[in-house]
C-alpha atoms as a PDB file:
ATOM      1  CA  MET A   1     -33.280 -22.516 -33.237  1.00  0.00           C
ATOM      2  CA  LEU A   2     -34.243 -23.845 -29.803  1.00  0.00           C
ATOM      3  CA  VAL A   3     -32.085 -24.379 -26.733  1.00  0.00           C
ATOM      4  CA  TYR A   4     -33.297 -26.706 -24.002  1.00  0.00           C
ATOM      5  CA  ASP A   5     -32.348 -29.215 -21.312  1.00  0.00           C
ATOM      6  CA  PHE A   6     -33.058 -32.914 -21.593  1.00  0.00           C
ATOM      7  CA  THR A   7     -33.505 -34.620 -18.248  1.00  0.00           C
ATOM      8  CA  PHE A   8     -32.411 -38.255 -18.261  1.00  0.00           C
ATOM      9  CA  PRO A   9     -32.594 -40.719 -15.389  1.00  0.00           C
ATOM     10  CA  LYS A  10     -29.413 -41.345 -13.384  1.00  0.00           C
ATOM     11  CA  PRO A  11     -26.548 -41.718 -14.139  1.00  0.00           C
ATOM     12  CA  ILE A  12     -26.805 -39.056 -16.871  1.00  0.00           C
ATOM     13  CA  GLY A  13     -29.025 -36.333 -15.407  1.00  0.00           C
ATOM     14  CA  LYS A  14     -29.354 -33.027 -17.271  1.00  0.00           C
ATOM     15  CA  LEU A  15     -28.074 -32.709 -20.837  1.00  0.00           C
ATOM     16  CA  ARG A  16     -28.124 -29.314 -22.534  1.00  0.00           C
ATOM     17  CA  ALA A  17     -28.904 -29.278 -26.239  1.00  0.00           C
ATOM     18  CA  ALA A  18     -29.665 -26.999 -29.153  1.00  0.00           C
ATOM     19  CA  VAL A  19     -31.746 -27.870 -32.197  1.00  0.00           C
ATOM     20  CA  LEU A  20     -31.855 -26.154 -35.563  1.00  0.00           C
ATOM     21  CA  MET A  21     -35.064 -26.820 -37.475  1.00  0.00           C
ATOM     22  CA  GLU A  22     -36.195 -26.000 -40.989  1.00  0.00           C
ATOM     23  CA  PHE A  23     -39.856 -25.803 -41.951  1.00  0.00           C
ATOM     24  CA  LYS A  24     -41.728 -26.360 -45.205  1.00  0.00           C
ATOM     25  CA  GLU A  25     -45.447 -25.676 -45.381  1.00  0.00           C
ATOM     26  CA  GLN A  26     -45.634 -25.413 -41.578  1.00  0.00           C
ATOM     27  CA  LEU A  27     -44.065 -28.867 -41.099  1.00  0.00           C
ATOM     28  CA  ILE A  28     -40.582 -29.677 -39.843  1.00  0.00           C
ATOM     29  CA  SER A  29     -38.501 -30.713 -42.849  1.00  0.00           C
ATOM     30  CA  LYS A  30     -35.062 -30.922 -41.217  1.00  0.00           C
ATOM     31  CA  ILE A  31     -33.743 -31.248 -37.667  1.00  0.00           C
ATOM     32  CA  GLU A  32     -30.136 -30.912 -36.512  1.00  0.00           C
ATOM     33  CA  LEU A  33     -29.437 -31.681 -32.845  1.00  0.00           C
ATOM     34  CA  PHE A  34     -26.299 -30.359 -31.156  1.00  0.00           C
ATOM     35  CA  TYR A  35     -25.209 -31.625 -27.742  1.00  0.00           C
ATOM     36  CA  ASP A  36     -22.141 -32.452 -25.697  1.00  0.00           C
ATOM     37  CA  GLY A  37     -21.848 -36.243 -25.574  1.00  0.00           C
ATOM     38  CA  ARG A  38     -19.284 -36.284 -22.748  1.00  0.00           C
ATOM     39  CA  PRO A  39     -21.832 -37.241 -20.054  1.00  0.00           C
ATOM     40  CA  PHE A  40     -22.574 -40.425 -22.031  1.00  0.00           C
ATOM     41  CA  GLU A  41     -18.876 -41.145 -22.574  1.00  0.00           C
ATOM     42  CA  GLU A  42     -18.057 -40.626 -18.898  1.00  0.00           C
ATOM     43  CA  LYS A  43     -20.841 -42.973 -17.756  1.00  0.00           C
ATOM     44  CA  LYS A  44     -20.762 -45.562 -20.574  1.00  0.00           C
ATOM     45  CA  GLU A  45     -19.600 -48.379 -18.272  1.00  0.00           C
ATOM     46  CA  GLU A  46     -22.482 -47.684 -15.918  1.00  0.00           C
ATOM     47  CA  ILE A  47     -25.034 -47.327 -18.721  1.00  0.00           C
ATOM     48  CA  PHE A  48     -24.047 -50.329 -20.830  1.00  0.00           C
ATOM     49  CA  SER A  49     -22.919 -52.792 -18.165  1.00  0.00           C
ATOM     50  CA  GLN A  50     -24.734 -56.112 -18.242  1.00  0.00           C
ATOM     51  CA  LYS A  51     -26.513 -56.869 -14.993  1.00  0.00           C
END
């Protein structure tokens, strides 16, 4: 399990996340990403507006 910060350009900024990975023969076989999507929801008009 890893915990890290993604850094996105404005308007999102920092997004904290956790990832649970499984390995088989030293290769990643499964990835589950956990994050709080509220920053995207709060800024969706800004992100997806047509300019």
